[in-house]
């Protein structure tokens, strides 16, 4: 579900870039607000599909004043592979021990929430659109989306209740527009 916060400070933490450098989470929103998109396990059909949707709308999201940072639970090599395989134009960061996931309180699910039969139809549709990788990592980890302004405040979030749930692009745009004027005229 999405939440509009009375702004709350973004947690601290370190991530790895695709080339293996350590970067602080706070460096990601120094110049522009950022949408931190936490992915589920590597190979998640829904996450691959959502990453492609973000790519499709990336230029428009930038015009609305925000950057995107995709976070995976793999290592730097996994981040590079994910980035290159999907031909993403926004950065992918690694959180191999899920410390940043925990700092942001990204939800975990149960078997029903991550693989229950109510998800199978959506899973087949995502698989046909975007393909699938080999499942690796914490299979119970759900995703999460957090919009952080340049003051380091979480101003909006989306915390799913199942593996199929991601914010739609319109929700992200509305949240971004609360931070800056619309720029795609």
N, C-alpha and C. Protein backbone atom coordinates (compact mmCIF):
# COMPACT_ATOMS: atom_id res chain seq x y z
N UNK A 1 0.83 -1.17 0.00
CA UNK A 1 0.00 0.00 0.00
C UNK A 1 0.88 1.24 0.00
N UNK A 2 0.38 2.31 -0.56
CA UNK A 2 1.18 3.53 -0.60
C UNK A 2 0.88 4.35 0.64
N UNK A 3 1.89 5.09 1.03
CA UNK A 3 1.75 5.92 2.21
C UNK A 3 2.32 7.29 1.92
N UNK A 4 1.61 8.31 2.33
CA UNK A 4 2.16 9.65 2.31
C UNK A 4 2.56 9.93 3.74
N UNK A 5 3.79 10.27 3.92
CA UNK A 5 4.32 10.50 5.25
C UNK A 5 4.22 11.95 5.62
N UNK A 6 4.03 12.21 6.92
CA UNK A 6 4.63 13.45 7.35
C UNK A 6 6.11 13.08 7.19
N UNK A 7 6.87 13.82 6.48
CA UNK A 7 8.22 13.43 6.11
C UNK A 7 8.96 12.80 7.28
N UNK A 8 9.62 11.69 7.00
CA UNK A 8 10.41 10.96 7.99
C UNK A 8 11.83 10.83 7.45
N UNK A 9 12.83 10.94 8.32
CA UNK A 9 14.21 10.83 7.83
C UNK A 9 14.49 9.47 7.20
N UNK A 10 15.18 9.50 6.07
CA UNK A 10 15.59 8.26 5.41
C UNK A 10 16.69 7.59 6.22
N UNK A 11 16.62 6.29 6.38
CA UNK A 11 17.69 5.58 7.10
C UNK A 11 19.03 5.70 6.38
N UNK A 12 20.07 5.50 7.13
CA UNK A 12 21.43 5.52 6.59
C UNK A 12 21.77 4.11 6.10
N UNK A 13 22.82 4.01 5.34
CA UNK A 13 23.29 2.71 4.89
C UNK A 13 24.23 2.85 3.71
N UNK A 14 24.88 1.75 3.39
CA UNK A 14 25.80 1.71 2.26
C UNK A 14 25.36 0.65 1.26
N UNK A 15 25.55 0.98 0.00
CA UNK A 15 25.25 0.08 -1.10
C UNK A 15 26.51 -0.09 -1.94
N UNK A 16 26.48 -1.08 -2.82
CA UNK A 16 27.58 -1.27 -3.77
C UNK A 16 27.11 -0.87 -5.16
N UNK A 17 27.94 -0.14 -5.88
CA UNK A 17 27.64 0.17 -7.27
C UNK A 17 27.92 -1.08 -8.10
N UNK A 18 27.49 -1.05 -9.34
CA UNK A 18 27.71 -2.20 -10.23
C UNK A 18 29.20 -2.46 -10.47
N UNK A 19 30.04 -1.44 -10.25
CA UNK A 19 31.48 -1.66 -10.40
C UNK A 19 32.17 -1.91 -9.06
N UNK A 20 31.39 -2.13 -8.00
CA UNK A 20 31.94 -2.56 -6.72
C UNK A 20 32.30 -1.48 -5.73
N UNK A 21 32.07 -0.20 -6.06
CA UNK A 21 32.36 0.88 -5.11
C UNK A 21 31.26 0.98 -4.05
N UNK A 22 31.63 1.36 -2.86
CA UNK A 22 30.65 1.61 -1.80
C UNK A 22 30.13 3.04 -1.93
N UNK A 23 28.80 3.20 -1.81
CA UNK A 23 28.18 4.53 -1.82
C UNK A 23 27.17 4.58 -0.69
N UNK A 24 27.03 5.75 -0.11
CA UNK A 24 26.03 5.91 0.93
C UNK A 24 24.66 6.14 0.28
N UNK A 25 23.63 5.68 0.96
CA UNK A 25 22.27 5.93 0.47
C UNK A 25 22.05 7.43 0.31
N UNK A 26 22.57 8.21 1.26
CA UNK A 26 22.34 9.66 1.22
C UNK A 26 22.94 10.32 -0.02
N UNK A 27 23.96 9.72 -0.62
CA UNK A 27 24.55 10.30 -1.83
C UNK A 27 23.60 10.19 -3.02
N UNK A 28 22.61 9.31 -2.94
CA UNK A 28 21.69 9.10 -4.06
C UNK A 28 20.66 10.21 -4.20
N UNK A 29 20.42 10.95 -3.14
CA UNK A 29 19.41 12.02 -3.20
C UNK A 29 20.00 13.39 -2.89
N UNK A 30 21.29 13.53 -3.03
CA UNK A 30 21.94 14.82 -2.78
C UNK A 30 21.49 15.92 -3.74
N UNK A 31 21.41 15.58 -5.03
CA UNK A 31 21.13 16.59 -6.06
C UNK A 31 19.68 16.61 -6.53
N UNK A 32 19.03 15.47 -6.50
CA UNK A 32 17.63 15.34 -6.94
C UNK A 32 16.93 14.33 -6.06
N UNK A 33 15.63 14.48 -5.90
CA UNK A 33 14.89 13.43 -5.20
C UNK A 33 15.09 12.09 -5.93
N UNK A 34 15.01 11.01 -5.19
CA UNK A 34 15.24 9.69 -5.78
C UNK A 34 14.13 8.73 -5.36
N UNK A 35 13.73 7.90 -6.30
CA UNK A 35 12.85 6.78 -6.00
C UNK A 35 13.74 5.58 -5.76
N UNK A 36 13.82 5.14 -4.51
CA UNK A 36 14.55 3.91 -4.21
C UNK A 36 13.58 2.77 -4.44
N UNK A 37 13.89 1.92 -5.39
CA UNK A 37 13.04 0.77 -5.70
C UNK A 37 13.77 -0.49 -5.24
N UNK A 38 13.29 -1.10 -4.18
CA UNK A 38 13.88 -2.34 -3.68
C UNK A 38 13.26 -3.50 -4.44
N UNK A 39 14.11 -4.36 -4.97
CA UNK A 39 13.67 -5.52 -5.72
C UNK A 39 13.55 -6.72 -4.78
N UNK A 40 12.81 -7.70 -5.23
CA UNK A 40 12.76 -8.97 -4.51
C UNK A 40 14.00 -9.77 -4.88
N UNK A 41 13.94 -11.06 -4.79
CA UNK A 41 15.08 -11.91 -5.12
C UNK A 41 15.46 -11.76 -6.59
N UNK A 42 16.67 -12.10 -6.91
CA UNK A 42 17.10 -12.08 -8.30
C UNK A 42 16.32 -13.18 -9.04
N UNK A 43 15.75 -12.83 -10.14
CA UNK A 43 14.96 -13.79 -10.91
C UNK A 43 13.47 -13.58 -10.76
N UNK A 44 13.03 -12.71 -9.87
CA UNK A 44 11.61 -12.46 -9.65
C UNK A 44 10.98 -11.90 -10.93
N UNK A 45 9.99 -12.61 -11.49
CA UNK A 45 9.37 -12.17 -12.74
C UNK A 45 8.69 -10.81 -12.58
N UNK A 46 8.11 -10.56 -11.41
CA UNK A 46 7.43 -9.29 -11.18
C UNK A 46 8.42 -8.14 -11.12
N UNK A 47 9.58 -8.38 -10.50
CA UNK A 47 10.60 -7.33 -10.37
C UNK A 47 11.24 -7.02 -11.72
N UNK A 48 11.48 -8.04 -12.51
CA UNK A 48 12.02 -7.82 -13.85
C UNK A 48 11.03 -6.99 -14.66
N UNK A 49 9.76 -7.36 -14.58
CA UNK A 49 8.72 -6.64 -15.30
C UNK A 49 8.63 -5.19 -14.82
N UNK A 50 8.68 -4.98 -13.51
CA UNK A 50 8.61 -3.61 -12.98
C UNK A 50 9.83 -2.79 -13.37
N UNK A 51 11.02 -3.41 -13.33
CA UNK A 51 12.24 -2.71 -13.75
C UNK A 51 12.11 -2.23 -15.19
N UNK A 52 11.51 -3.06 -16.04
CA UNK A 52 11.30 -2.66 -17.44
C UNK A 52 10.26 -1.54 -17.55
N UNK A 53 9.24 -1.57 -16.70
CA UNK A 53 8.25 -0.49 -16.71
C UNK A 53 8.90 0.82 -16.28
N UNK A 54 9.75 0.77 -15.26
CA UNK A 54 10.46 1.97 -14.84
C UNK A 54 11.35 2.50 -15.96
N UNK A 55 12.00 1.59 -16.68
CA UNK A 55 12.83 2.00 -17.80
C UNK A 55 11.99 2.69 -18.88
N UNK A 56 10.86 2.11 -19.18
CA UNK A 56 9.96 2.67 -20.20
C UNK A 56 9.55 4.10 -19.85
N UNK A 57 9.43 4.40 -18.56
CA UNK A 57 8.96 5.71 -18.12
C UNK A 57 10.07 6.56 -17.48
N UNK A 58 11.30 6.11 -17.58
CA UNK A 58 12.39 6.79 -16.89
C UNK A 58 12.56 8.25 -17.31
N UNK A 59 12.57 8.52 -18.59
CA UNK A 59 12.76 9.90 -19.05
C UNK A 59 11.63 10.80 -18.55
N UNK A 60 10.42 10.30 -18.57
CA UNK A 60 9.28 11.08 -18.08
C UNK A 60 9.42 11.31 -16.56
N UNK A 61 9.84 10.30 -15.82
CA UNK A 61 10.03 10.47 -14.37
C UNK A 61 11.11 11.51 -14.09
N UNK A 62 12.17 11.51 -14.91
CA UNK A 62 13.21 12.53 -14.75
C UNK A 62 12.65 13.93 -15.01
N UNK A 63 11.77 14.05 -15.99
CA UNK A 63 11.14 15.35 -16.25
C UNK A 63 10.27 15.80 -15.07
N UNK A 64 9.81 14.85 -14.31
CA UNK A 64 9.02 15.17 -13.11
C UNK A 64 9.93 15.36 -11.89
N UNK A 65 11.24 15.40 -12.14
CA UNK A 65 12.18 15.80 -11.11
C UNK A 65 12.78 14.72 -10.25
N UNK A 66 12.62 13.44 -10.62
CA UNK A 66 13.19 12.40 -9.77
C UNK A 66 14.10 11.47 -10.55
N UNK A 67 15.04 10.90 -9.83
CA UNK A 67 15.90 9.85 -10.35
C UNK A 67 15.39 8.52 -9.81
N UNK A 68 15.90 7.44 -10.37
CA UNK A 68 15.57 6.09 -9.91
C UNK A 68 16.85 5.40 -9.49
N UNK A 69 16.79 4.67 -8.40
CA UNK A 69 17.88 3.80 -7.97
C UNK A 69 17.26 2.45 -7.63
N UNK A 70 17.59 1.44 -8.39
CA UNK A 70 17.08 0.09 -8.15
C UNK A 70 18.06 -0.64 -7.25
N UNK A 71 17.54 -1.26 -6.20
CA UNK A 71 18.39 -1.97 -5.24
C UNK A 71 18.04 -3.45 -5.28
N UNK A 72 19.08 -4.26 -5.45
CA UNK A 72 18.92 -5.72 -5.42
C UNK A 72 19.68 -6.28 -4.23
N UNK A 73 19.36 -7.50 -3.86
CA UNK A 73 20.05 -8.10 -2.71
C UNK A 73 21.28 -8.91 -3.10
N UNK A 74 21.69 -8.85 -4.34
CA UNK A 74 22.87 -9.57 -4.78
C UNK A 74 24.14 -8.79 -4.52
N UNK A 75 25.20 -9.17 -5.22
CA UNK A 75 26.47 -8.46 -5.10
C UNK A 75 26.65 -7.52 -6.28
N UNK A 76 27.81 -6.86 -6.36
CA UNK A 76 28.06 -5.88 -7.41
C UNK A 76 27.99 -6.52 -8.80
N UNK A 77 28.50 -7.73 -8.94
CA UNK A 77 28.44 -8.42 -10.23
C UNK A 77 26.98 -8.67 -10.63
N UNK A 78 26.15 -9.06 -9.66
CA UNK A 78 24.73 -9.27 -9.94
C UNK A 78 24.07 -7.96 -10.38
N UNK A 79 24.45 -6.86 -9.74
CA UNK A 79 23.89 -5.55 -10.11
C UNK A 79 24.26 -5.22 -11.54
N UNK A 80 25.51 -5.46 -11.91
CA UNK A 80 25.95 -5.18 -13.28
C UNK A 80 25.21 -6.07 -14.28
N UNK A 81 25.08 -7.35 -13.96
CA UNK A 81 24.39 -8.29 -14.85
C UNK A 81 22.92 -7.90 -15.01
N UNK A 82 22.25 -7.57 -13.90
CA UNK A 82 20.84 -7.17 -13.95
C UNK A 82 20.69 -5.93 -14.83
N UNK A 83 21.56 -4.95 -14.60
CA UNK A 83 21.55 -3.70 -15.37
C UNK A 83 21.74 -3.98 -16.86
N UNK A 84 22.76 -4.76 -17.19
CA UNK A 84 23.11 -5.00 -18.59
C UNK A 84 22.08 -5.89 -19.29
N UNK A 85 21.62 -6.92 -18.61
CA UNK A 85 20.66 -7.85 -19.22
C UNK A 85 19.37 -7.13 -19.59
N UNK A 86 18.90 -6.25 -18.71
CA UNK A 86 17.65 -5.53 -18.98
C UNK A 86 17.88 -4.22 -19.75
N UNK A 87 19.15 -3.91 -20.03
CA UNK A 87 19.50 -2.69 -20.76
C UNK A 87 18.93 -1.44 -20.07
N UNK A 88 19.09 -1.41 -18.75
CA UNK A 88 18.57 -0.29 -17.96
C UNK A 88 19.44 0.94 -18.16
N UNK A 89 18.83 2.10 -18.10
CA UNK A 89 19.57 3.36 -18.21
C UNK A 89 19.65 4.06 -16.86
N UNK A 90 19.07 3.49 -15.84
CA UNK A 90 19.20 4.01 -14.48
C UNK A 90 20.06 3.02 -13.68
N UNK A 91 20.67 3.47 -12.60
CA UNK A 91 21.62 2.62 -11.88
C UNK A 91 20.96 1.52 -11.05
N UNK A 92 21.70 0.43 -10.92
CA UNK A 92 21.32 -0.69 -10.07
C UNK A 92 22.40 -0.81 -9.00
N UNK A 93 21.98 -0.89 -7.75
CA UNK A 93 22.88 -1.00 -6.61
C UNK A 93 22.66 -2.33 -5.92
N UNK A 94 23.70 -2.81 -5.26
CA UNK A 94 23.63 -4.08 -4.56
C UNK A 94 23.64 -3.87 -3.04
N UNK A 95 22.87 -4.68 -2.36
CA UNK A 95 22.81 -4.72 -0.90
C UNK A 95 22.93 -6.19 -0.50
N UNK A 96 24.15 -6.74 -0.59
CA UNK A 96 24.31 -8.19 -0.47
C UNK A 96 23.84 -8.78 0.86
N UNK A 97 23.91 -8.04 1.93
CA UNK A 97 23.49 -8.57 3.23
C UNK A 97 22.13 -8.03 3.67
N UNK A 98 21.45 -7.32 2.79
CA UNK A 98 20.13 -6.75 3.02
C UNK A 98 20.08 -5.80 4.22
N UNK A 99 21.19 -5.16 4.53
CA UNK A 99 21.20 -4.21 5.64
C UNK A 99 20.35 -2.98 5.34
N UNK A 100 20.39 -2.50 4.11
CA UNK A 100 19.58 -1.33 3.74
C UNK A 100 18.11 -1.73 3.65
N UNK A 101 17.84 -2.93 3.17
CA UNK A 101 16.45 -3.42 3.17
C UNK A 101 15.89 -3.36 4.60
N UNK A 102 16.66 -3.87 5.55
CA UNK A 102 16.19 -3.87 6.95
C UNK A 102 16.09 -2.45 7.50
N UNK A 103 17.05 -1.59 7.16
CA UNK A 103 17.01 -0.21 7.65
C UNK A 103 15.74 0.51 7.18
N UNK A 104 15.31 0.23 5.95
CA UNK A 104 14.10 0.83 5.40
C UNK A 104 12.84 0.04 5.78
N UNK A 105 13.03 -1.04 6.50
CA UNK A 105 11.91 -1.87 6.92
C UNK A 105 11.10 -2.36 5.72
N UNK A 106 11.81 -2.77 4.66
CA UNK A 106 11.16 -3.32 3.48
C UNK A 106 10.49 -4.63 3.92
N UNK A 107 9.21 -4.79 3.62
CA UNK A 107 8.48 -5.95 4.15
C UNK A 107 8.94 -7.29 3.60
N UNK A 108 8.78 -8.30 4.42
CA UNK A 108 8.97 -9.70 3.99
C UNK A 108 7.58 -10.32 3.95
N UNK A 109 7.45 -11.36 3.16
CA UNK A 109 6.16 -12.01 3.03
C UNK A 109 6.20 -13.44 3.52
N UNK A 110 5.05 -14.08 3.43
CA UNK A 110 4.96 -15.51 3.71
C UNK A 110 4.74 -16.22 2.37
N UNK A 111 4.63 -17.54 2.40
CA UNK A 111 4.50 -18.31 1.16
C UNK A 111 3.27 -17.85 0.37
N UNK A 112 2.17 -17.58 1.03
CA UNK A 112 0.95 -17.15 0.36
C UNK A 112 1.17 -15.82 -0.36
N UNK A 113 1.92 -14.90 0.26
CA UNK A 113 2.15 -13.58 -0.31
C UNK A 113 3.16 -13.58 -1.46
N UNK A 114 4.07 -14.54 -1.47
CA UNK A 114 5.09 -14.53 -2.52
C UNK A 114 4.85 -15.56 -3.63
N UNK A 115 4.04 -16.60 -3.36
CA UNK A 115 3.86 -17.64 -4.38
C UNK A 115 2.48 -18.28 -4.35
N UNK A 116 1.53 -17.66 -3.69
CA UNK A 116 0.19 -18.24 -3.59
C UNK A 116 -0.50 -18.32 -4.94
N UNK A 117 -1.49 -19.21 -5.05
CA UNK A 117 -2.18 -19.39 -6.33
C UNK A 117 -2.86 -18.13 -6.86
N UNK A 118 -3.19 -17.20 -5.99
CA UNK A 118 -3.82 -15.95 -6.44
C UNK A 118 -2.85 -15.10 -7.25
N UNK A 119 -1.57 -15.43 -7.24
CA UNK A 119 -0.54 -14.67 -7.96
C UNK A 119 -0.16 -15.31 -9.30
N UNK A 120 -0.58 -16.54 -9.52
CA UNK A 120 -0.10 -17.29 -10.67
C UNK A 120 -0.46 -16.65 -12.00
N UNK A 121 -1.68 -16.16 -12.16
CA UNK A 121 -2.09 -15.56 -13.43
C UNK A 121 -1.24 -14.32 -13.73
N UNK A 122 -1.09 -13.46 -12.71
CA UNK A 122 -0.26 -12.27 -12.90
C UNK A 122 1.19 -12.66 -13.18
N UNK A 123 1.65 -13.72 -12.55
CA UNK A 123 3.00 -14.21 -12.79
C UNK A 123 3.19 -14.69 -14.23
N UNK A 124 2.22 -15.38 -14.76
CA UNK A 124 2.30 -15.83 -16.16
C UNK A 124 2.33 -14.65 -17.11
N UNK A 125 1.52 -13.63 -16.84
CA UNK A 125 1.51 -12.45 -17.70
C UNK A 125 2.87 -11.73 -17.63
N UNK A 126 3.42 -11.57 -16.42
CA UNK A 126 4.73 -10.92 -16.28
C UNK A 126 5.82 -11.74 -16.96
N UNK A 127 5.75 -13.05 -16.82
CA UNK A 127 6.72 -13.93 -17.45
C UNK A 127 6.68 -13.79 -18.96
N UNK A 128 5.48 -13.72 -19.53
CA UNK A 128 5.37 -13.60 -20.99
C UNK A 128 5.86 -12.23 -21.48
N UNK A 129 5.72 -11.18 -20.66
CA UNK A 129 6.18 -9.84 -21.05
C UNK A 129 7.68 -9.69 -20.89
N UNK A 130 8.22 -10.23 -19.80
CA UNK A 130 9.58 -9.84 -19.41
C UNK A 130 10.55 -10.98 -19.15
N UNK A 131 10.08 -12.20 -19.12
CA UNK A 131 10.99 -13.30 -18.85
C UNK A 131 11.29 -13.45 -17.37
N UNK A 132 12.21 -14.34 -17.07
CA UNK A 132 12.51 -14.66 -15.68
C UNK A 132 13.98 -15.02 -15.57
N UNK A 133 14.52 -14.78 -14.42
CA UNK A 133 15.88 -15.20 -14.12
C UNK A 133 15.85 -16.37 -13.16
N UNK A 134 17.02 -16.78 -12.73
CA UNK A 134 17.13 -17.87 -11.77
C UNK A 134 16.92 -17.31 -10.37
N UNK A 135 15.94 -17.84 -9.62
CA UNK A 135 15.70 -17.32 -8.26
C UNK A 135 16.92 -17.50 -7.36
N UNK A 136 17.38 -16.38 -6.80
CA UNK A 136 18.49 -16.39 -5.85
C UNK A 136 18.25 -15.30 -4.84
N UNK A 137 18.59 -15.56 -3.61
CA UNK A 137 18.42 -14.59 -2.55
C UNK A 137 17.27 -14.99 -1.64
N UNK A 138 16.80 -14.06 -0.88
CA UNK A 138 15.72 -14.27 0.08
C UNK A 138 14.39 -14.30 -0.67
N UNK A 139 13.85 -15.49 -0.88
CA UNK A 139 12.63 -15.65 -1.66
C UNK A 139 11.40 -15.08 -0.95
N UNK A 140 11.50 -14.83 0.33
CA UNK A 140 10.37 -14.27 1.08
C UNK A 140 10.39 -12.74 1.12
N UNK A 141 11.47 -12.15 0.63
CA UNK A 141 11.58 -10.70 0.63
C UNK A 141 10.60 -10.10 -0.37
N UNK A 142 9.83 -9.13 0.06
CA UNK A 142 8.99 -8.36 -0.85
C UNK A 142 9.77 -7.14 -1.32
N UNK A 143 9.23 -6.41 -2.24
CA UNK A 143 9.86 -5.18 -2.71
C UNK A 143 9.39 -4.00 -1.89
N UNK A 144 9.74 -2.83 -2.35
CA UNK A 144 9.29 -1.61 -1.70
C UNK A 144 9.78 -0.42 -2.49
N UNK A 145 9.03 0.67 -2.42
CA UNK A 145 9.37 1.90 -3.13
C UNK A 145 9.34 3.06 -2.15
N UNK A 146 10.38 3.89 -2.18
CA UNK A 146 10.50 5.01 -1.25
C UNK A 146 10.98 6.23 -2.00
N UNK A 147 10.21 7.29 -1.95
CA UNK A 147 10.60 8.55 -2.59
C UNK A 147 11.23 9.43 -1.52
N UNK A 148 12.48 9.82 -1.76
CA UNK A 148 13.25 10.61 -0.80
C UNK A 148 13.60 11.94 -1.42
N UNK A 149 13.30 13.02 -0.69
CA UNK A 149 13.62 14.36 -1.21
C UNK A 149 15.08 14.71 -0.92
N UNK A 150 15.53 15.85 -1.41
CA UNK A 150 16.94 16.24 -1.26
C UNK A 150 17.29 16.63 0.18
N UNK A 151 16.31 16.73 1.05
CA UNK A 151 16.57 16.96 2.47
C UNK A 151 16.69 15.65 3.24
N UNK A 152 16.62 14.53 2.52
CA UNK A 152 16.76 13.23 3.17
C UNK A 152 15.50 12.75 3.86
N UNK A 153 14.36 13.24 3.41
CA UNK A 153 13.09 12.86 4.02
C UNK A 153 12.33 11.91 3.10
N UNK A 154 11.83 10.81 3.65
CA UNK A 154 10.94 9.93 2.90
C UNK A 154 9.59 10.64 2.86
N UNK A 155 9.15 10.97 1.67
CA UNK A 155 7.90 11.72 1.53
C UNK A 155 6.76 10.87 0.99
N UNK A 156 7.09 9.68 0.51
CA UNK A 156 6.07 8.77 -0.01
C UNK A 156 6.68 7.38 -0.05
N UNK A 157 5.86 6.37 0.17
CA UNK A 157 6.35 5.00 0.03
C UNK A 157 5.23 4.09 -0.45
N UNK A 158 5.64 2.97 -0.97
CA UNK A 158 4.73 1.91 -1.37
C UNK A 158 5.29 0.62 -0.79
N UNK A 159 4.52 0.02 0.10
CA UNK A 159 4.93 -1.23 0.75
C UNK A 159 3.92 -2.30 0.37
N UNK A 160 4.32 -3.23 -0.48
CA UNK A 160 3.39 -4.23 -0.99
C UNK A 160 2.98 -5.26 0.06
N UNK A 161 1.86 -5.90 -0.21
CA UNK A 161 1.41 -7.01 0.65
C UNK A 161 1.57 -8.34 -0.07
N UNK A 162 2.03 -8.31 -1.34
CA UNK A 162 2.32 -9.54 -2.07
C UNK A 162 3.41 -9.25 -3.10
N UNK A 163 3.95 -10.31 -3.67
CA UNK A 163 5.06 -10.16 -4.62
C UNK A 163 4.63 -9.52 -5.94
N UNK A 164 3.34 -9.49 -6.24
CA UNK A 164 2.86 -8.95 -7.50
C UNK A 164 2.64 -7.43 -7.44
N UNK A 165 2.61 -6.86 -6.26
CA UNK A 165 2.25 -5.45 -6.10
C UNK A 165 3.44 -4.51 -6.25
N UNK A 166 3.28 -3.55 -7.14
CA UNK A 166 4.23 -2.46 -7.32
C UNK A 166 3.40 -1.21 -7.55
N UNK A 167 3.95 -0.04 -7.24
CA UNK A 167 3.18 1.17 -7.52
C UNK A 167 3.05 1.37 -9.02
N UNK A 168 1.92 1.90 -9.44
CA UNK A 168 1.84 2.22 -10.86
C UNK A 168 2.55 3.55 -11.09
N UNK A 169 2.91 3.78 -12.32
CA UNK A 169 3.69 4.96 -12.67
C UNK A 169 2.95 6.25 -12.30
N UNK A 170 1.64 6.26 -12.46
CA UNK A 170 0.87 7.46 -12.12
C UNK A 170 1.02 7.83 -10.64
N UNK A 171 1.03 6.83 -9.77
CA UNK A 171 1.21 7.10 -8.34
C UNK A 171 2.57 7.74 -8.07
N UNK A 172 3.58 7.23 -8.76
CA UNK A 172 4.93 7.77 -8.58
C UNK A 172 4.98 9.22 -9.07
N UNK A 173 4.36 9.48 -10.22
CA UNK A 173 4.35 10.83 -10.78
C UNK A 173 3.63 11.80 -9.83
N UNK A 174 2.49 11.39 -9.31
CA UNK A 174 1.75 12.25 -8.38
C UNK A 174 2.63 12.57 -7.17
N UNK A 175 3.31 11.56 -6.63
CA UNK A 175 4.20 11.79 -5.49
C UNK A 175 5.34 12.72 -5.87
N UNK A 176 5.92 12.52 -7.05
CA UNK A 176 7.02 13.38 -7.51
C UNK A 176 6.56 14.82 -7.68
N UNK A 177 5.34 14.99 -8.19
CA UNK A 177 4.84 16.34 -8.43
C UNK A 177 4.56 17.11 -7.15
N UNK A 178 4.49 16.43 -6.02
CA UNK A 178 4.35 17.15 -4.75
C UNK A 178 5.67 17.81 -4.38
N UNK A 179 6.76 17.39 -5.03
CA UNK A 179 8.09 17.91 -4.73
C UNK A 179 8.53 19.01 -5.69
N UNK A 180 8.04 18.96 -6.92
CA UNK A 180 8.49 19.92 -7.92
C UNK A 180 7.39 20.16 -8.94
N UNK A 181 7.46 21.27 -9.66
CA UNK A 181 6.46 21.54 -10.68
C UNK A 181 6.53 20.54 -11.83
N UNK A 182 5.41 20.31 -12.48
CA UNK A 182 5.37 19.41 -13.63
C UNK A 182 6.24 19.99 -14.74
N UNK A 183 7.08 19.13 -15.34
CA UNK A 183 8.04 19.63 -16.31
C UNK A 183 7.86 19.00 -17.69
N UNK A 184 6.78 18.27 -17.93
CA UNK A 184 6.68 17.63 -19.24
C UNK A 184 5.70 18.35 -20.16
N UNK A 185 5.52 19.61 -19.97
CA UNK A 185 4.63 20.37 -20.85
C UNK A 185 5.32 20.67 -22.17
